[in-house]
Amino acid sequence: MLAKVPIFLLLISLCFVSCSKQKTFDSEDELWEYLNDPDNGYKQSKNVNNIDFSLLYKPTDALVAQELGEKTSDSLVKLLREKYNKHLYFTLSMSKNNKELLSVIPSNKNEFGAMVNQLAFGMSEKVHVYTQSKDTLVLKDYVYPRMYGMTTNTSILFVYEMNEKHSKEEYLNVSIQDFGFQIKNVKFKIPTKIIKNQPKLLFKN
């Protein structure tokens, strides 16, 4: 029995190394398949009061690839990585009955206008990211693109400032306050290890 202990510990160590190792992908499709797998921790989902909430942490290279397009060079990739790795990017998606919120929630023009105004200008007061020690991250920007019923969800990109102190926390809390659905706060817990070990893309010139 004692002889098996070192082997067991070795397996644990190998698993820890392999699980914590940063992954690199050859294509965006492979990257997004990895990000959309809930087992990997980058995407979390909840259903509250028949509203589907999904929160996705977007790694630096996903944003770099989006801006690069067809033009790729080592210097440009480096420049864009430096641009995006200073902040955290979260996409919050919400839907009801597989439709975007504006298509199913408002019952009249006044409610529709109020919700458009809330989504476009008021979400900075409703979505907050804070650490275990209750230190609130600064919201730098958020983007709500109007899709006019052409998609299955309402999606908003949030950009937060993160410093070295925040990265030392075990996890970050994301809190979404009610903004018209008669729901209590919706909360997500983001392990900082997925940010530290975020996957990368192999950009080919």
N, C-alpha and C. Protein backbone atom coordinates (compact mmCIF):
# COMPACT_ATOMS: atom_id res chain seq x y z
N MET A 1 0.84 -1.21 0.00
CA MET A 1 0.00 0.00 0.00
C MET A 1 0.87 1.25 0.00
N LEU A 2 1.99 1.21 0.79
CA LEU A 2 2.86 2.37 0.86
C LEU A 2 3.55 2.63 -0.47
N ALA A 3 3.82 1.56 -1.23
CA ALA A 3 4.52 1.72 -2.51
C ALA A 3 3.68 2.45 -3.53
N LYS A 4 2.37 2.43 -3.34
CA LYS A 4 1.47 3.07 -4.31
C LYS A 4 1.35 4.58 -4.09
N VAL A 5 1.72 5.04 -2.91
CA VAL A 5 1.54 6.46 -2.58
C VAL A 5 2.32 7.38 -3.49
N PRO A 6 3.61 7.15 -3.74
CA PRO A 6 4.37 8.03 -4.63
C PRO A 6 3.77 8.10 -6.04
N ILE A 7 3.30 6.95 -6.55
CA ILE A 7 2.69 6.93 -7.89
C ILE A 7 1.42 7.77 -7.90
N PHE A 8 0.63 7.63 -6.85
CA PHE A 8 -0.61 8.41 -6.75
C PHE A 8 -0.32 9.92 -6.72
N LEU A 9 0.68 10.28 -5.92
CA LEU A 9 1.05 11.70 -5.84
C LEU A 9 1.59 12.21 -7.16
N LEU A 10 2.32 11.34 -7.88
CA LEU A 10 2.84 11.72 -9.18
C LEU A 10 1.72 12.00 -10.17
N LEU A 11 0.70 11.15 -10.14
CA LEU A 11 -0.45 11.34 -11.03
C LEU A 11 -1.18 12.64 -10.72
N ILE A 12 -1.30 12.93 -9.42
CA ILE A 12 -1.94 14.18 -9.01
C ILE A 12 -1.15 15.37 -9.54
N SER A 13 0.17 15.30 -9.42
CA SER A 13 1.03 16.40 -9.87
C SER A 13 0.94 16.59 -11.37
N LEU A 14 0.94 15.48 -12.10
CA LEU A 14 0.85 15.56 -13.56
C LEU A 14 -0.48 16.15 -13.99
N CYS A 15 -1.53 15.75 -13.30
CA CYS A 15 -2.87 16.28 -13.61
C CYS A 15 -2.92 17.77 -13.34
N PHE A 16 -2.33 18.20 -12.23
CA PHE A 16 -2.33 19.63 -11.87
C PHE A 16 -1.59 20.44 -12.92
N VAL A 17 -0.45 19.93 -13.37
CA VAL A 17 0.34 20.65 -14.38
C VAL A 17 -0.41 20.74 -15.69
N SER A 18 -1.02 19.62 -16.11
CA SER A 18 -1.71 19.61 -17.40
C SER A 18 -2.96 20.46 -17.37
N CYS A 19 -3.64 20.48 -16.20
CA CYS A 19 -4.89 21.24 -16.10
C CYS A 19 -4.62 22.75 -16.03
N SER A 20 -3.47 23.13 -15.47
CA SER A 20 -3.19 24.54 -15.29
C SER A 20 -2.40 25.13 -16.45
N LYS A 21 -1.95 24.28 -17.37
CA LYS A 21 -1.14 24.74 -18.48
C LYS A 21 -1.98 25.57 -19.46
N GLN A 22 -1.40 26.65 -19.93
CA GLN A 22 -2.10 27.51 -20.88
C GLN A 22 -2.24 26.80 -22.21
N LYS A 23 -3.44 26.84 -22.78
CA LYS A 23 -3.72 26.14 -24.04
C LYS A 23 -3.55 27.10 -25.21
N THR A 24 -3.08 26.54 -26.33
CA THR A 24 -2.92 27.32 -27.56
C THR A 24 -3.67 26.61 -28.68
N PHE A 25 -4.44 27.38 -29.45
CA PHE A 25 -5.26 26.81 -30.52
C PHE A 25 -4.83 27.33 -31.88
N ASP A 26 -5.02 26.49 -32.90
CA ASP A 26 -4.63 26.84 -34.25
C ASP A 26 -5.67 27.68 -34.97
N SER A 27 -6.93 27.63 -34.51
CA SER A 27 -7.99 28.36 -35.20
C SER A 27 -8.97 28.97 -34.21
N GLU A 28 -9.70 29.98 -34.68
CA GLU A 28 -10.72 30.62 -33.84
C GLU A 28 -11.84 29.64 -33.51
N ASP A 29 -12.18 28.77 -34.47
CA ASP A 29 -13.25 27.79 -34.22
C ASP A 29 -12.89 26.89 -33.05
N GLU A 30 -11.64 26.44 -32.99
CA GLU A 30 -11.20 25.59 -31.88
C GLU A 30 -11.23 26.37 -30.57
N LEU A 31 -10.80 27.62 -30.63
CA LEU A 31 -10.82 28.47 -29.43
C LEU A 31 -12.22 28.64 -28.90
N TRP A 32 -13.17 28.96 -29.78
CA TRP A 32 -14.54 29.21 -29.34
C TRP A 32 -15.23 27.94 -28.88
N GLU A 33 -14.87 26.81 -29.46
CA GLU A 33 -15.41 25.55 -28.98
C GLU A 33 -14.97 25.31 -27.54
N TYR A 34 -13.73 25.65 -27.25
CA TYR A 34 -13.19 25.51 -25.89
C TYR A 34 -13.86 26.50 -24.94
N LEU A 35 -14.03 27.76 -25.36
CA LEU A 35 -14.63 28.78 -24.51
C LEU A 35 -16.09 28.49 -24.20
N ASN A 36 -16.81 27.92 -25.15
CA ASN A 36 -18.23 27.67 -24.97
C ASN A 36 -18.54 26.39 -24.20
N ASP A 37 -17.50 25.61 -23.91
CA ASP A 37 -17.69 24.41 -23.10
C ASP A 37 -17.74 24.83 -21.63
N PRO A 38 -18.89 24.69 -20.96
CA PRO A 38 -19.00 25.15 -19.57
C PRO A 38 -18.03 24.47 -18.62
N ASP A 39 -17.54 23.31 -18.96
CA ASP A 39 -16.59 22.60 -18.09
C ASP A 39 -15.26 23.34 -17.95
N ASN A 40 -14.97 24.24 -18.90
CA ASN A 40 -13.69 24.95 -18.88
C ASN A 40 -13.75 26.26 -18.10
N GLY A 41 -14.96 26.67 -17.68
CA GLY A 41 -15.10 27.80 -16.77
C GLY A 41 -15.21 29.18 -17.39
N TYR A 42 -15.08 29.27 -18.71
CA TYR A 42 -15.13 30.60 -19.35
C TYR A 42 -16.56 31.06 -19.60
N LYS A 43 -17.48 30.13 -19.68
CA LYS A 43 -18.88 30.47 -19.90
C LYS A 43 -19.74 29.84 -18.82
N GLN A 44 -20.57 30.67 -18.19
CA GLN A 44 -21.49 30.19 -17.16
C GLN A 44 -22.91 30.63 -17.50
N SER A 45 -23.88 29.80 -17.16
CA SER A 45 -25.27 30.10 -17.51
C SER A 45 -26.19 29.85 -16.32
N LYS A 46 -27.26 30.65 -16.25
CA LYS A 46 -28.29 30.48 -15.23
C LYS A 46 -29.65 30.86 -15.82
N ASN A 47 -30.69 30.24 -15.29
CA ASN A 47 -32.06 30.62 -15.64
C ASN A 47 -32.73 31.15 -14.39
N VAL A 48 -33.14 32.41 -14.43
CA VAL A 48 -33.80 33.04 -13.28
C VAL A 48 -35.09 33.68 -13.77
N ASN A 49 -36.21 33.26 -13.18
CA ASN A 49 -37.52 33.81 -13.53
C ASN A 49 -37.78 33.70 -15.04
N ASN A 50 -37.40 32.55 -15.60
CA ASN A 50 -37.59 32.24 -17.02
C ASN A 50 -36.74 33.10 -17.96
N ILE A 51 -35.75 33.78 -17.40
CA ILE A 51 -34.79 34.53 -18.21
C ILE A 51 -33.47 33.75 -18.20
N ASP A 52 -32.93 33.50 -19.38
CA ASP A 52 -31.65 32.81 -19.50
C ASP A 52 -30.52 33.83 -19.49
N PHE A 53 -29.64 33.69 -18.51
CA PHE A 53 -28.46 34.56 -18.41
C PHE A 53 -27.21 33.74 -18.72
N SER A 54 -26.33 34.32 -19.51
CA SER A 54 -25.07 33.66 -19.84
C SER A 54 -23.95 34.69 -19.75
N LEU A 55 -22.89 34.34 -19.02
CA LEU A 55 -21.75 35.24 -18.88
C LEU A 55 -20.51 34.55 -19.44
N LEU A 56 -19.83 35.23 -20.35
CA LEU A 56 -18.63 34.68 -21.01
C LEU A 56 -17.46 35.62 -20.81
N TYR A 57 -16.35 35.08 -20.27
CA TYR A 57 -15.12 35.85 -20.21
C TYR A 57 -14.41 35.69 -21.55
N LYS A 58 -14.12 36.82 -22.21
CA LYS A 58 -13.47 36.78 -23.52
C LYS A 58 -11.96 36.99 -23.33
N PRO A 59 -11.16 36.00 -23.65
CA PRO A 59 -9.71 36.14 -23.49
C PRO A 59 -9.13 37.14 -24.49
N THR A 60 -7.93 37.60 -24.21
CA THR A 60 -7.28 38.61 -25.03
C THR A 60 -7.23 38.24 -26.50
N ASP A 61 -6.83 37.00 -26.80
CA ASP A 61 -6.62 36.63 -28.20
C ASP A 61 -7.92 36.54 -29.00
N ALA A 62 -9.05 36.34 -28.32
CA ALA A 62 -10.34 36.36 -29.02
C ALA A 62 -10.62 37.77 -29.53
N LEU A 63 -10.25 38.77 -28.77
CA LEU A 63 -10.43 40.16 -29.17
C LEU A 63 -9.40 40.56 -30.22
N VAL A 64 -8.18 40.06 -30.07
CA VAL A 64 -7.14 40.34 -31.06
C VAL A 64 -7.56 39.80 -32.43
N ALA A 65 -8.05 38.57 -32.46
CA ALA A 65 -8.47 37.95 -33.72
C ALA A 65 -9.62 38.72 -34.36
N GLN A 66 -10.51 39.22 -33.53
CA GLN A 66 -11.65 39.99 -34.04
C GLN A 66 -11.20 41.26 -34.74
N GLU A 67 -10.18 41.92 -34.18
CA GLU A 67 -9.71 43.16 -34.79
C GLU A 67 -8.74 42.92 -35.95
N LEU A 68 -8.00 41.82 -35.90
CA LEU A 68 -7.01 41.54 -36.94
C LEU A 68 -7.63 41.36 -38.32
N GLY A 69 -8.70 40.58 -38.36
CA GLY A 69 -9.27 40.25 -39.66
C GLY A 69 -8.29 39.41 -40.45
N GLU A 70 -8.07 39.79 -41.70
CA GLU A 70 -7.18 39.05 -42.57
C GLU A 70 -5.73 39.53 -42.48
N LYS A 71 -5.51 40.67 -41.84
CA LYS A 71 -4.16 41.24 -41.77
C LYS A 71 -3.46 40.75 -40.50
N THR A 72 -2.39 39.98 -40.68
CA THR A 72 -1.68 39.41 -39.55
C THR A 72 -0.18 39.62 -39.67
N SER A 73 0.42 40.05 -38.59
CA SER A 73 1.88 40.15 -38.51
C SER A 73 2.26 40.05 -37.04
N ASP A 74 3.47 39.62 -36.76
CA ASP A 74 3.91 39.46 -35.37
C ASP A 74 3.83 40.78 -34.61
N SER A 75 4.21 41.86 -35.29
CA SER A 75 4.22 43.17 -34.63
C SER A 75 2.80 43.65 -34.32
N LEU A 76 1.86 43.39 -35.23
CA LEU A 76 0.48 43.82 -35.02
C LEU A 76 -0.17 42.98 -33.92
N VAL A 77 0.10 41.68 -33.91
CA VAL A 77 -0.44 40.81 -32.86
C VAL A 77 0.07 41.26 -31.50
N LYS A 78 1.36 41.57 -31.40
CA LYS A 78 1.93 42.04 -30.15
C LYS A 78 1.29 43.34 -29.70
N LEU A 79 1.08 44.25 -30.65
CA LEU A 79 0.48 45.54 -30.34
C LEU A 79 -0.95 45.38 -29.81
N LEU A 80 -1.72 44.51 -30.46
CA LEU A 80 -3.11 44.32 -30.05
C LEU A 80 -3.21 43.57 -28.73
N ARG A 81 -2.29 42.63 -28.51
CA ARG A 81 -2.28 41.95 -27.22
C ARG A 81 -2.01 42.92 -26.08
N GLU A 82 -1.10 43.83 -26.30
CA GLU A 82 -0.80 44.85 -25.28
C GLU A 82 -1.99 45.76 -25.06
N LYS A 83 -2.75 45.99 -26.11
CA LYS A 83 -3.93 46.85 -26.02
C LYS A 83 -5.04 46.20 -25.18
N TYR A 84 -5.27 44.91 -25.42
CA TYR A 84 -6.42 44.25 -24.80
C TYR A 84 -6.13 43.58 -23.46
N ASN A 85 -4.88 43.24 -23.19
CA ASN A 85 -4.63 42.49 -21.95
C ASN A 85 -4.62 43.37 -20.70
N LYS A 86 -4.87 44.65 -20.86
CA LYS A 86 -4.93 45.56 -19.72
C LYS A 86 -6.31 45.56 -19.05
N HIS A 87 -7.28 44.94 -19.71
CA HIS A 87 -8.64 44.98 -19.19
C HIS A 87 -9.30 43.59 -19.26
N LEU A 88 -10.41 43.47 -18.56
CA LEU A 88 -11.21 42.25 -18.60
C LEU A 88 -12.44 42.51 -19.47
N TYR A 89 -12.78 41.54 -20.29
CA TYR A 89 -13.92 41.67 -21.19
C TYR A 89 -14.91 40.54 -20.91
N PHE A 90 -16.14 40.93 -20.56
CA PHE A 90 -17.20 39.97 -20.31
C PHE A 90 -18.37 40.25 -21.25
N THR A 91 -18.91 39.19 -21.82
CA THR A 91 -20.13 39.32 -22.62
C THR A 91 -21.29 38.74 -21.82
N LEU A 92 -22.27 39.57 -21.54
CA LEU A 92 -23.48 39.14 -20.86
C LEU A 92 -24.59 38.97 -21.89
N SER A 93 -25.12 37.76 -21.99
CA SER A 93 -26.20 37.47 -22.94
C SER A 93 -27.45 37.09 -22.16
N MET A 94 -28.60 37.62 -22.61
CA MET A 94 -29.86 37.36 -21.94
C MET A 94 -30.95 37.08 -22.96
N SER A 95 -31.81 36.13 -22.66
CA SER A 95 -32.89 35.80 -23.60
C SER A 95 -34.07 35.21 -22.85
N LYS A 96 -35.21 35.24 -23.50
CA LYS A 96 -36.41 34.58 -22.98
C LYS A 96 -37.08 33.86 -24.13
N ASN A 97 -37.36 32.59 -23.93
CA ASN A 97 -37.93 31.75 -24.99
C ASN A 97 -37.08 31.79 -26.27
N ASN A 98 -35.76 31.84 -26.05
CA ASN A 98 -34.80 31.84 -27.16
C ASN A 98 -34.96 33.07 -28.06
N LYS A 99 -35.36 34.19 -27.47
CA LYS A 99 -35.50 35.44 -28.21
C LYS A 99 -34.86 36.57 -27.41
N GLU A 100 -34.43 37.63 -28.10
CA GLU A 100 -33.84 38.75 -27.38
C GLU A 100 -34.92 39.46 -26.56
N LEU A 101 -34.52 40.11 -25.49
CA LEU A 101 -35.46 40.63 -24.49
C LEU A 101 -36.45 41.64 -25.06
N LEU A 102 -35.99 42.51 -25.93
CA LEU A 102 -36.88 43.54 -26.47
C LEU A 102 -38.00 42.95 -27.32
N SER A 103 -37.84 41.71 -27.74
CA SER A 103 -38.87 41.07 -28.57
C SER A 103 -39.99 40.46 -27.74
N VAL A 104 -39.72 40.21 -26.45
CA VAL A 104 -40.70 39.47 -25.65
C VAL A 104 -41.10 40.13 -24.32
N ILE A 105 -40.25 41.02 -23.78
CA ILE A 105 -40.53 41.57 -22.45
C ILE A 105 -41.48 42.76 -22.47
N PRO A 106 -41.20 43.83 -23.22
CA PRO A 106 -42.08 45.02 -23.16
C PRO A 106 -43.48 44.72 -23.69
N SER A 107 -44.49 45.26 -23.01
CA SER A 107 -45.88 45.03 -23.44
C SER A 107 -46.49 46.23 -24.16
N ASN A 108 -45.76 47.36 -24.16
CA ASN A 108 -46.25 48.55 -24.87
C ASN A 108 -45.05 49.42 -25.26
N LYS A 109 -45.33 50.51 -25.98
CA LYS A 109 -44.26 51.37 -26.48
C LYS A 109 -43.47 52.03 -25.36
N ASN A 110 -44.16 52.42 -24.30
CA ASN A 110 -43.48 53.07 -23.18
C ASN A 110 -42.49 52.12 -22.52
N GLU A 111 -42.91 50.88 -22.29
CA GLU A 111 -42.02 49.89 -21.70
C GLU A 111 -40.85 49.57 -22.64
N PHE A 112 -41.15 49.53 -23.92
CA PHE A 112 -40.11 49.26 -24.91
C PHE A 112 -39.05 50.35 -24.88
N GLY A 113 -39.51 51.61 -24.88
CA GLY A 113 -38.58 52.74 -24.86
C GLY A 113 -37.76 52.77 -23.59
N ALA A 114 -38.40 52.45 -22.46
CA ALA A 114 -37.69 52.45 -21.18
C ALA A 114 -36.62 51.37 -21.15
N MET A 115 -36.93 50.19 -21.71
CA MET A 115 -35.95 49.12 -21.71
C MET A 115 -34.79 49.41 -22.66
N VAL A 116 -35.07 50.00 -23.81
CA VAL A 116 -34.00 50.39 -24.74
C VAL A 116 -33.07 51.37 -24.04
N ASN A 117 -33.65 52.34 -23.35
CA ASN A 117 -32.84 53.34 -22.64
C ASN A 117 -32.00 52.69 -21.53
N GLN A 118 -32.62 51.73 -20.83
CA GLN A 118 -31.89 51.03 -19.76
C GLN A 118 -30.71 50.24 -20.31
N LEU A 119 -30.94 49.50 -21.38
CA LEU A 119 -29.88 48.67 -21.97
C LEU A 119 -28.78 49.52 -22.59
N ALA A 120 -29.15 50.63 -23.19
CA ALA A 120 -28.17 51.45 -23.89
C ALA A 120 -27.37 52.36 -22.97
N PHE A 121 -27.99 52.82 -21.89
CA PHE A 121 -27.34 53.84 -21.07
C PHE A 121 -27.27 53.54 -19.57
N GLY A 122 -28.06 52.58 -19.08
CA GLY A 122 -28.16 52.40 -17.64
C GLY A 122 -27.55 51.15 -17.05
N MET A 123 -26.89 50.32 -17.87
CA MET A 123 -26.39 49.05 -17.35
C MET A 123 -25.15 49.20 -16.45
N SER A 124 -24.49 50.35 -16.55
CA SER A 124 -23.34 50.57 -15.66
C SER A 124 -23.77 50.62 -14.20
N GLU A 125 -25.04 50.92 -13.95
CA GLU A 125 -25.57 50.97 -12.59
C GLU A 125 -26.14 49.64 -12.13
N LYS A 126 -26.24 48.67 -13.06
CA LYS A 126 -26.89 47.40 -12.76
C LYS A 126 -25.94 46.20 -12.73
N VAL A 127 -24.79 46.32 -13.37
CA VAL A 127 -23.83 45.21 -13.42
C VAL A 127 -22.54 45.64 -12.74
N HIS A 128 -22.09 44.83 -11.77
CA HIS A 128 -20.90 45.18 -11.01
C HIS A 128 -20.00 43.95 -10.87
N VAL A 129 -18.69 44.19 -10.87
CA VAL A 129 -17.70 43.15 -10.64
C VAL A 129 -16.88 43.54 -9.41
N TYR A 130 -16.77 42.63 -8.46
CA TYR A 130 -16.01 42.94 -7.25
C TYR A 130 -15.27 41.70 -6.75
N THR A 131 -14.27 41.92 -5.93
CA THR A 131 -13.42 40.85 -5.43
C THR A 131 -14.00 40.26 -4.15
N GLN A 132 -13.32 39.22 -3.63
CA GLN A 132 -13.73 38.61 -2.37
C GLN A 132 -13.66 39.62 -1.23
N SER A 133 -12.72 40.54 -1.32
CA SER A 133 -12.56 41.56 -0.27
C SER A 133 -13.43 42.80 -0.53
N LYS A 134 -14.41 42.66 -1.45
CA LYS A 134 -15.40 43.71 -1.74
C LYS A 134 -14.79 44.93 -2.44
N ASP A 135 -13.69 44.73 -3.11
CA ASP A 135 -13.07 45.80 -3.89
C ASP A 135 -13.71 45.80 -5.29
N THR A 136 -14.39 46.88 -5.63
CA THR A 136 -15.13 46.94 -6.90
C THR A 136 -14.22 47.32 -8.05
N LEU A 137 -14.29 46.55 -9.14
CA LEU A 137 -13.50 46.86 -10.33
C LEU A 137 -14.15 48.03 -11.07
N VAL A 138 -13.32 48.86 -11.68
CA VAL A 138 -13.80 50.03 -12.40
C VAL A 138 -14.31 49.63 -13.78
N LEU A 139 -15.53 50.02 -14.09
CA LEU A 139 -16.08 49.78 -15.42
C LEU A 139 -15.55 50.85 -16.37
N LYS A 140 -14.85 50.43 -17.41
CA LYS A 140 -14.27 51.37 -18.37
C LYS A 140 -15.23 51.68 -19.51
N ASP A 141 -16.04 50.70 -19.88
CA ASP A 141 -16.93 50.90 -21.01
C ASP A 141 -17.89 49.71 -21.10
N TYR A 142 -19.01 49.92 -21.77
CA TYR A 142 -19.83 48.77 -22.16
C TYR A 142 -20.53 49.10 -23.49
N VAL A 143 -20.78 48.05 -24.26
CA VAL A 143 -21.31 48.22 -25.61
C VAL A 143 -22.56 47.36 -25.77
N TYR A 144 -23.66 48.01 -26.10
CA TYR A 144 -24.91 47.30 -26.36
C TYR A 144 -25.32 47.54 -27.81
N PRO A 145 -25.12 46.56 -28.68
CA PRO A 145 -25.52 46.72 -30.08
C PRO A 145 -27.00 46.35 -30.27
N ARG A 146 -27.77 47.24 -30.86
CA ARG A 146 -29.17 46.93 -31.16
C ARG A 146 -29.22 45.95 -32.33
N MET A 147 -29.93 44.83 -32.15
CA MET A 147 -29.99 43.79 -33.18
C MET A 147 -31.37 43.69 -33.84
N TYR A 148 -32.34 44.45 -33.31
CA TYR A 148 -33.67 44.56 -33.93
C TYR A 148 -34.32 43.20 -34.20
N GLY A 149 -34.22 42.30 -33.21
CA GLY A 149 -34.89 41.01 -33.32
C GLY A 149 -34.22 40.02 -34.24
N MET A 150 -33.02 40.33 -34.69
CA MET A 150 -32.34 39.45 -35.66
C MET A 150 -31.52 38.35 -34.97
N THR A 151 -31.41 38.38 -33.64
CA THR A 151 -30.66 37.36 -32.93
C THR A 151 -31.55 36.70 -31.88
N THR A 152 -31.02 35.67 -31.23
CA THR A 152 -31.80 34.93 -30.24
C THR A 152 -31.56 35.43 -28.82
N ASN A 153 -30.70 36.46 -28.65
CA ASN A 153 -30.45 36.97 -27.31
C ASN A 153 -30.03 38.43 -27.34
N THR A 154 -30.12 39.05 -26.18
CA THR A 154 -29.62 40.41 -25.97
C THR A 154 -28.22 40.29 -25.42
N SER A 155 -27.24 40.85 -26.10
CA SER A 155 -25.84 40.66 -25.71
C SER A 155 -25.16 42.01 -25.47
N ILE A 156 -24.44 42.11 -24.35
CA ILE A 156 -23.74 43.35 -23.98
C ILE A 156 -22.30 43.01 -23.60
N LEU A 157 -21.36 43.79 -24.13
CA LEU A 157 -19.95 43.61 -23.80
C LEU A 157 -19.56 44.61 -22.72
N PHE A 158 -19.00 44.11 -21.61
CA PHE A 158 -18.54 44.96 -20.51
C PHE A 158 -17.01 44.92 -20.43
N VAL A 159 -16.40 46.08 -20.19
CA VAL A 159 -14.94 46.18 -20.11
C VAL A 159 -14.57 46.72 -18.73
N TYR A 160 -13.76 45.95 -18.00
CA TYR A 160 -13.36 46.33 -16.65
C TYR A 160 -11.85 46.45 -16.52
N GLU A 161 -11.45 47.36 -15.65
CA GLU A 161 -10.04 47.52 -15.35
C GLU A 161 -9.65 46.53 -14.26
N MET A 162 -8.52 45.84 -14.46
CA MET A 162 -8.06 44.89 -13.46
C MET A 162 -6.58 45.12 -13.20
N ASN A 163 -6.20 45.16 -11.92
CA ASN A 163 -4.80 45.34 -11.57
C ASN A 163 -4.23 44.09 -10.93
N GLU A 164 -2.95 44.15 -10.56
CA GLU A 164 -2.28 42.98 -10.01
C GLU A 164 -2.91 42.51 -8.70
N LYS A 165 -3.38 43.47 -7.91
CA LYS A 165 -4.04 43.14 -6.65
C LYS A 165 -5.27 42.28 -6.89
N HIS A 166 -6.08 42.63 -7.87
CA HIS A 166 -7.29 41.88 -8.18
C HIS A 166 -6.96 40.48 -8.67
N SER A 167 -5.88 40.34 -9.44
CA SER A 167 -5.53 39.04 -10.01
C SER A 167 -5.08 38.05 -8.94
N LYS A 168 -4.73 38.54 -7.76
CA LYS A 168 -4.30 37.65 -6.68
C LYS A 168 -5.47 37.05 -5.93
N GLU A 169 -6.68 37.56 -6.17
CA GLU A 169 -7.87 37.00 -5.55
C GLU A 169 -8.17 35.63 -6.17
N GLU A 170 -8.85 34.79 -5.41
CA GLU A 170 -9.19 33.45 -5.91
C GLU A 170 -10.26 33.53 -6.99
N TYR A 171 -11.19 34.44 -6.82
CA TYR A 171 -12.26 34.59 -7.81
C TYR A 171 -12.81 36.00 -7.80
N LEU A 172 -13.56 36.34 -8.83
CA LEU A 172 -14.26 37.62 -8.94
C LEU A 172 -15.77 37.35 -8.93
N ASN A 173 -16.51 38.25 -8.33
CA ASN A 173 -17.97 38.15 -8.30
C ASN A 173 -18.57 39.10 -9.34
N VAL A 174 -19.52 38.60 -10.09
CA VAL A 174 -20.26 39.43 -11.04
C VAL A 174 -21.71 39.46 -10.59
N SER A 175 -22.21 40.66 -10.33
CA SER A 175 -23.57 40.83 -9.83
C SER A 175 -24.41 41.62 -10.83
N ILE A 176 -25.57 41.07 -11.17
CA ILE A 176 -26.50 41.73 -12.11
C ILE A 176 -27.78 42.04 -11.34
N GLN A 177 -28.02 43.32 -11.12
CA GLN A 177 -29.20 43.74 -10.39
C GLN A 177 -30.42 43.76 -11.32
N ASP A 178 -31.58 43.68 -10.71
CA ASP A 178 -32.82 43.68 -11.49
C ASP A 178 -32.97 44.99 -12.25
N PHE A 179 -33.30 44.88 -13.54
CA PHE A 179 -33.57 46.08 -14.33
C PHE A 179 -34.85 45.93 -15.14
N GLY A 180 -35.85 45.29 -14.50
CA GLY A 180 -37.16 45.24 -15.13
C GLY A 180 -37.76 43.86 -15.24
N PHE A 181 -37.14 42.83 -14.61
CA PHE A 181 -37.64 41.47 -14.74
C PHE A 181 -38.25 40.93 -13.46
N GLN A 182 -38.28 41.76 -12.40
CA GLN A 182 -38.77 41.32 -11.10
C GLN A 182 -37.96 40.12 -10.60
N ILE A 183 -36.65 40.24 -10.64
CA ILE A 183 -35.77 39.17 -10.18
C ILE A 183 -34.83 39.72 -9.11
N LYS A 184 -34.33 38.83 -8.27
CA LYS A 184 -33.28 39.21 -7.34
C LYS A 184 -31.96 39.25 -8.11
N ASN A 185 -30.92 39.68 -7.45
CA ASN A 185 -29.62 39.76 -8.10
C ASN A 185 -29.21 38.41 -8.67
N VAL A 186 -28.71 38.45 -9.89
CA VAL A 186 -28.14 37.26 -10.52
C VAL A 186 -26.63 37.35 -10.34
N LYS A 187 -26.01 36.31 -9.79
CA LYS A 187 -24.59 36.37 -9.49
C LYS A 187 -23.81 35.24 -10.15
N PHE A 188 -22.62 35.59 -10.61
CA PHE A 188 -21.69 34.61 -11.17
C PHE A 188 -20.37 34.74 -10.42
N LYS A 189 -19.66 33.63 -10.31
CA LYS A 189 -18.36 33.62 -9.66
C LYS A 189 -17.32 33.19 -10.69
N ILE A 190 -16.34 34.08 -10.98
CA ILE A 190 -15.34 33.83 -12.00
C ILE A 190 -13.99 33.51 -11.36
N PRO A 191 -13.49 32.29 -11.51
CA PRO A 191 -12.16 31.97 -10.95
C PRO A 191 -11.08 32.76 -11.68
N THR A 192 -10.18 33.39 -10.94
CA THR A 192 -9.13 34.18 -11.60
C THR A 192 -8.13 33.30 -12.34
N LYS A 193 -8.10 32.00 -12.03
CA LYS A 193 -7.16 31.12 -12.71
C LYS A 193 -7.46 31.01 -14.21
N ILE A 194 -8.73 31.17 -14.60
CA ILE A 194 -9.05 31.10 -16.03
C ILE A 194 -8.57 32.35 -16.76
N ILE A 195 -8.39 33.43 -16.01
CA ILE A 195 -7.86 34.67 -16.59
C ILE A 195 -6.34 34.58 -16.70
N LYS A 196 -5.71 34.08 -15.64
CA LYS A 196 -4.26 33.94 -15.64
C LYS A 196 -3.79 32.93 -16.68
N ASN A 197 -4.55 31.86 -16.87
CA ASN A 197 -4.17 30.81 -17.80
C ASN A 197 -5.04 30.83 -19.06
N GLN A 198 -5.48 32.01 -19.45
CA GLN A 198 -6.40 32.10 -20.58
C GLN A 198 -5.78 31.54 -21.85
N PRO A 199 -6.58 30.90 -22.70
CA PRO A 199 -6.07 30.28 -23.92
C PRO A 199 -5.60 31.32 -24.93
N LYS A 200 -4.70 30.87 -25.79
CA LYS A 200 -4.15 31.74 -26.81
C LYS A 200 -4.39 31.15 -28.20
N LEU A 201 -4.25 32.02 -29.19
CA LEU A 201 -4.35 31.61 -30.58
C LEU A 201 -2.97 31.64 -31.22
N LEU A 202 -2.72 30.68 -32.10
CA LEU A 202 -1.47 30.68 -32.86
C LEU A 202 -1.74 31.44 -34.16
N PHE A 203 -1.32 32.70 -34.18
CA PHE A 203 -1.57 33.55 -35.35
C PHE A 203 -0.51 33.25 -36.42
N LYS A 204 -0.97 32.96 -37.60
CA LYS A 204 -0.07 32.62 -38.70
C LYS A 204 0.00 33.77 -39.70
N ASN A 205 1.21 34.17 -40.04
CA ASN A 205 1.42 35.27 -41.00
C ASN A 205 1.09 34.82 -42.42
